[in-house]
């Protein structure tokens, strides 16, 4: 590693932001920092299960897992949480989603399922209209906006209708014990924000969180990260400004 990478790897006792361009070895910083955090007796001394590494695609997570395994061995690597934001959300909801009324074996809907439910909720056979609602609802969810807030802030008749359909859609998902892809970020955020015992459990469990491709986080993912690490949490964020 070069001196800047080494400085980031050795920085253990407070939050660390690493800014670097494409192909400059940002992921290497994360994998070597994980190995550094596991070294005993020098201030970090974490167990593998206390470290979470988050990236944005399943492929990137699998590659990171393999690179860490080469550094620390398969046994320790098997106890690390290396995942995407969405698979982290699945884990949070499977373990603690009952606080939100979700059973552990909830279903995850694909895009076609969502369109079908929206057509039903909006009482329409127009697939194009349902997809426009789907796009708008996804946008609102990624901005952390609930159906109630969307309705009060609606600036047009189309937005008012979409917000009303969103409320009916939310009710159907809960009745079906199902979530959509956007819920895998929004519902874990709601879970941590509204249920202190769950939030404290995960903050105690994940003592250091590392996020790759940090520039790709949206508002909801950013808030979820804040809830995961807590006000005094230690984390490492690596991205391209």
Protein backbone atom coordinates (compact mmCIF):
# COMPACT_ATOMS: atom_id res chain seq x y z
CA UNK A 1 0.00 0.00 0.00
CA UNK A 2 1.04 3.61 -0.55
CA UNK A 3 1.34 6.04 2.41
CA UNK A 4 -2.19 7.45 2.02
CA UNK A 5 -3.73 3.95 1.95
CA UNK A 6 -1.65 2.94 4.96
CA UNK A 7 -2.79 6.03 6.88
CA UNK A 8 -6.44 5.12 6.28
CA UNK A 9 -5.85 1.50 7.34
CA UNK A 10 -4.09 2.59 10.53
CA UNK A 11 -6.81 5.10 11.48
CA UNK A 12 -8.86 3.14 14.03
CA UNK A 13 -10.25 5.38 16.76
CA UNK A 14 -12.64 7.76 14.95
CA UNK A 15 -14.67 7.98 11.72
CA UNK A 16 -12.56 7.93 8.55
CA UNK A 17 -13.47 9.23 5.08
CA UNK A 18 -11.29 8.11 2.18
CA UNK A 19 -11.64 10.00 -1.12
CA UNK A 20 -9.95 8.58 -4.20
CA UNK A 21 -10.61 8.09 -7.90
CA UNK A 22 -11.53 4.97 -9.85
CA UNK A 23 -8.92 2.23 -9.89
CA UNK A 24 -6.82 3.77 -7.13
CA UNK A 25 -7.22 0.91 -4.63
CA UNK A 26 -10.15 2.05 -2.49
CA UNK A 27 -11.44 -1.48 -1.95
CA UNK A 28 -7.94 -2.58 -0.97
CA UNK A 29 -8.11 -0.05 1.86
CA UNK A 30 -11.31 -1.68 3.13
CA UNK A 31 -10.03 -5.25 2.96
CA UNK A 32 -6.71 -4.41 4.64
CA UNK A 33 -8.47 -2.30 7.25
CA UNK A 34 -10.69 -5.26 8.14
CA UNK A 35 -7.55 -7.33 8.69
CA UNK A 36 -6.08 -4.49 10.79
CA UNK A 37 -9.21 -4.26 12.95
CA UNK A 38 -8.90 -7.95 13.77
CA UNK A 39 -5.33 -7.67 15.05
CA UNK A 40 -5.34 -8.14 18.84
CA UNK A 41 -3.87 -5.92 21.51
CA UNK A 42 -3.49 -2.55 19.77
CA UNK A 43 -6.75 -0.76 20.42
CA UNK A 44 -9.15 -2.34 17.94
CA UNK A 45 -9.12 -6.07 18.73
CA UNK A 46 -12.55 -6.72 17.24
CA UNK A 47 -14.12 -10.09 16.57
CA UNK A 48 -15.04 -10.79 12.93
CA UNK A 49 -18.76 -10.74 13.83
CA UNK A 50 -18.38 -7.13 15.04
CA UNK A 51 -17.36 -5.83 11.61
CA UNK A 52 -19.73 -4.98 8.77
CA UNK A 53 -18.61 -4.14 5.22
CA UNK A 54 -21.24 -2.72 2.86
CA UNK A 55 -21.08 -2.19 -0.88
CA UNK A 56 -23.61 -1.71 -3.67
CA UNK A 57 -23.75 -4.87 -5.80
CA UNK A 58 -23.78 -8.57 -5.03
CA UNK A 59 -20.80 -8.99 -7.36
CA UNK A 60 -18.76 -6.37 -5.48
CA UNK A 61 -19.69 -7.95 -2.14
CA UNK A 62 -18.61 -11.41 -3.36
CA UNK A 63 -15.30 -10.04 -4.63
CA UNK A 64 -14.68 -8.22 -1.36
CA UNK A 65 -15.46 -11.40 0.59
CA UNK A 66 -12.90 -13.35 -1.44
CA UNK A 67 -10.23 -10.69 -1.02
CA UNK A 68 -10.77 -10.55 2.74
CA UNK A 69 -10.69 -14.34 2.93
CA UNK A 70 -7.25 -14.32 1.32
CA UNK A 71 -6.03 -11.94 4.04
CA UNK A 72 -7.60 -13.38 7.20
CA UNK A 73 -8.52 -16.95 6.30
CA UNK A 74 -11.88 -18.59 5.58
CA UNK A 75 -12.88 -19.21 9.21
CA UNK A 76 -12.67 -15.55 10.26
CA UNK A 77 -14.02 -14.33 6.91
CA UNK A 78 -17.08 -16.53 7.33
CA UNK A 79 -18.11 -14.56 10.43
CA UNK A 80 -17.84 -11.13 8.81
CA UNK A 81 -20.91 -9.32 7.57
CA UNK A 82 -20.00 -8.44 3.97
CA UNK A 83 -23.09 -7.48 1.99
CA UNK A 84 -25.03 -4.88 0.03
CA UNK A 85 -27.27 -2.31 1.72
CA UNK A 86 -30.27 -4.31 0.53
CA UNK A 87 -29.07 -7.67 1.86
CA UNK A 88 -28.25 -5.95 5.16
CA UNK A 89 -31.84 -4.70 5.16
CA UNK A 90 -33.11 -8.24 4.61
CA UNK A 91 -31.09 -9.44 7.59
CA UNK A 92 -32.37 -6.66 9.84
CA UNK A 93 -35.96 -7.36 8.89
CA UNK A 94 -35.67 -11.16 9.15
CA UNK A 95 -34.24 -10.84 12.67
CA UNK A 96 -36.22 -7.91 14.08
CA UNK A 97 -38.97 -6.99 11.60
CA UNK A 98 -41.70 -8.33 13.87
CA UNK A 99 -41.47 -4.97 15.67
CA UNK A 100 -42.96 -3.53 12.44
CA UNK A 101 -45.54 -6.29 12.05
CA UNK A 102 -43.44 -8.34 9.62
CA UNK A 103 -43.03 -12.07 10.10
CA UNK A 104 -39.52 -13.51 9.55
CA UNK A 105 -40.59 -15.31 6.36
CA UNK A 106 -41.91 -12.23 4.56
CA UNK A 107 -41.80 -12.22 0.75
CA UNK A 108 -39.70 -9.89 -1.42
CA UNK A 109 -41.60 -8.73 -4.50
CA UNK A 110 -40.10 -8.31 -7.95
CA UNK A 111 -40.98 -5.43 -10.27
CA UNK A 112 -43.84 -7.28 -12.02
CA UNK A 113 -45.42 -8.16 -8.66
CA UNK A 114 -45.28 -4.51 -7.65
CA UNK A 115 -46.94 -3.37 -10.89
CA UNK A 116 -49.72 -5.89 -10.42
CA UNK A 117 -50.44 -4.80 -6.84
CA UNK A 118 -50.40 -1.13 -7.85
CA UNK A 119 -52.91 -1.81 -10.62
CA UNK A 120 -55.14 -3.43 -8.02
CA UNK A 121 -54.62 -0.66 -5.46
CA UNK A 122 -55.30 2.04 -8.05
CA UNK A 123 -58.23 0.16 -9.60
CA UNK A 124 -56.81 0.37 -13.11
CA UNK A 125 -55.93 -2.01 -15.92
CA UNK A 126 -53.49 0.53 -17.38
CA UNK A 127 -50.02 -0.99 -16.89
CA UNK A 128 -48.32 2.23 -18.07
CA UNK A 129 -50.12 4.26 -15.40
CA UNK A 130 -49.25 1.67 -12.75
CA UNK A 131 -45.57 1.82 -13.75
CA UNK A 132 -45.63 5.62 -13.46
CA UNK A 133 -46.95 5.21 -9.90
CA UNK A 134 -44.26 2.62 -9.28
CA UNK A 135 -41.53 5.03 -10.40
CA UNK A 136 -42.94 7.88 -8.29
CA UNK A 137 -43.38 5.71 -5.18
CA UNK A 138 -39.84 4.37 -5.54
CA UNK A 139 -38.54 7.94 -5.79
CA UNK A 140 -40.41 8.95 -2.64
CA UNK A 141 -39.21 5.91 -0.73
CA UNK A 142 -35.59 6.57 -1.67
CA UNK A 143 -36.01 10.12 -0.40
CA UNK A 144 -37.44 8.82 2.88
CA UNK A 145 -40.93 10.25 2.17
CA UNK A 146 -43.96 8.35 3.49
CA UNK A 147 -47.36 8.28 1.78
CA UNK A 148 -48.69 10.75 4.35
CA UNK A 149 -45.93 13.25 3.68
CA UNK A 150 -46.23 12.68 -0.07
CA UNK A 151 -49.96 13.50 0.09
CA UNK A 152 -49.47 16.67 2.15
CA UNK A 153 -46.65 17.86 -0.12
CA UNK A 154 -48.26 16.88 -3.44
CA UNK A 155 -48.07 19.64 -6.03
CA UNK A 156 -50.36 18.24 -8.70
CA UNK A 157 -53.41 16.02 -9.17
CA UNK A 158 -51.14 13.25 -10.47
CA UNK A 159 -49.02 13.38 -7.30
CA UNK A 160 -52.12 13.41 -5.08
CA UNK A 161 -53.40 10.29 -6.83
CA UNK A 162 -49.97 8.58 -6.63
CA UNK A 163 -49.76 9.34 -2.89
CA UNK A 164 -53.24 7.87 -2.29
CA UNK A 165 -52.29 4.76 -4.27
CA UNK A 166 -49.04 4.55 -2.26
CA UNK A 167 -51.02 4.41 0.99
CA UNK A 168 -53.22 1.60 -0.32
CA UNK A 169 -50.12 -0.16 -1.66
CA UNK A 170 -48.43 0.02 1.76
CA UNK A 171 -51.52 -1.48 3.39
CA UNK A 172 -51.60 -4.34 0.89
CA UNK A 173 -47.91 -5.13 1.37
CA UNK A 174 -48.37 -5.42 5.13
CA UNK A 175 -51.44 -7.62 4.66
CA UNK A 176 -49.53 -9.84 2.21
CA UNK A 177 -46.46 -9.91 4.52
CA UNK A 178 -44.39 -8.67 1.59
CA UNK A 179 -41.87 -5.92 0.87
CA UNK A 180 -40.51 -4.39 -2.31
CA UNK A 181 -36.87 -3.64 -3.13
CA UNK A 182 -37.03 -0.06 -1.80
CA UNK A 183 -38.51 -1.29 1.49
CA UNK A 184 -35.28 -3.20 2.15
CA UNK A 185 -33.73 0.19 2.98
CA UNK A 186 -36.72 2.22 4.20
CA UNK A 187 -38.18 -0.35 6.60
CA UNK A 188 -34.85 -1.12 8.36
CA UNK A 189 -34.41 2.64 8.81
CA UNK A 190 -37.91 2.87 10.30
CA UNK A 191 -37.14 -0.15 12.49
CA UNK A 192 -33.96 1.37 13.91
CA UNK A 193 -35.42 4.85 14.27
CA UNK A 194 -38.58 3.79 16.11
CA UNK A 195 -37.37 0.86 18.21
CA UNK A 196 -34.50 1.75 20.52
CA UNK A 197 -33.83 -1.81 21.72
CA UNK A 198 -33.32 -2.96 18.12
CA UNK A 199 -31.12 0.05 17.32
CA UNK A 200 -28.93 -0.52 20.38
CA UNK A 201 -28.66 -4.24 19.59
CA UNK A 202 -27.24 -3.55 16.12
CA UNK A 203 -25.00 -0.72 17.30
CA UNK A 204 -23.50 -3.08 19.89
CA UNK A 205 -23.21 -5.88 17.35
CA UNK A 206 -21.51 -3.87 14.58
CA UNK A 207 -18.61 -2.06 16.23
CA UNK A 208 -17.02 -0.90 12.97
CA UNK A 209 -18.85 -0.42 9.68
CA UNK A 210 -17.00 0.06 6.38
CA UNK A 211 -18.81 1.35 3.29
CA UNK A 212 -17.40 1.07 -0.23
CA UNK A 213 -18.53 3.26 -3.17
CA UNK A 214 -19.88 5.73 -0.62
CA UNK A 215 -20.68 8.30 -3.33
CA UNK A 216 -23.57 6.09 -4.43
CA UNK A 217 -25.52 6.34 -1.17
CA UNK A 218 -28.94 7.98 -1.35
CA UNK A 219 -30.65 9.88 1.47
CA UNK A 220 -32.27 6.79 3.02
CA UNK A 221 -29.09 4.73 2.93
CA UNK A 222 -27.21 7.63 4.55
CA UNK A 223 -29.76 7.80 7.39
CA UNK A 224 -29.62 4.01 7.80
CA UNK A 225 -25.84 4.18 8.15
CA UNK A 226 -26.20 6.89 10.81
CA UNK A 227 -28.61 4.71 12.76
CA UNK A 228 -26.33 1.68 12.46
CA UNK A 229 -23.23 3.37 13.83
CA UNK A 230 -24.89 5.68 16.38
CA UNK A 231 -23.75 9.13 17.53
CA UNK A 232 -20.36 7.88 18.72
CA UNK A 233 -19.92 5.12 16.18
CA UNK A 234 -16.69 4.42 14.37
CA UNK A 235 -16.88 3.75 10.65
CA UNK A 236 -14.90 4.01 7.43
CA UNK A 237 -16.40 5.40 4.24
CA UNK A 238 -14.54 5.04 0.96
CA UNK A 239 -15.64 6.84 -2.20
CA UNK A 240 -14.92 8.94 -5.26
CA UNK A 241 -15.83 12.61 -4.83
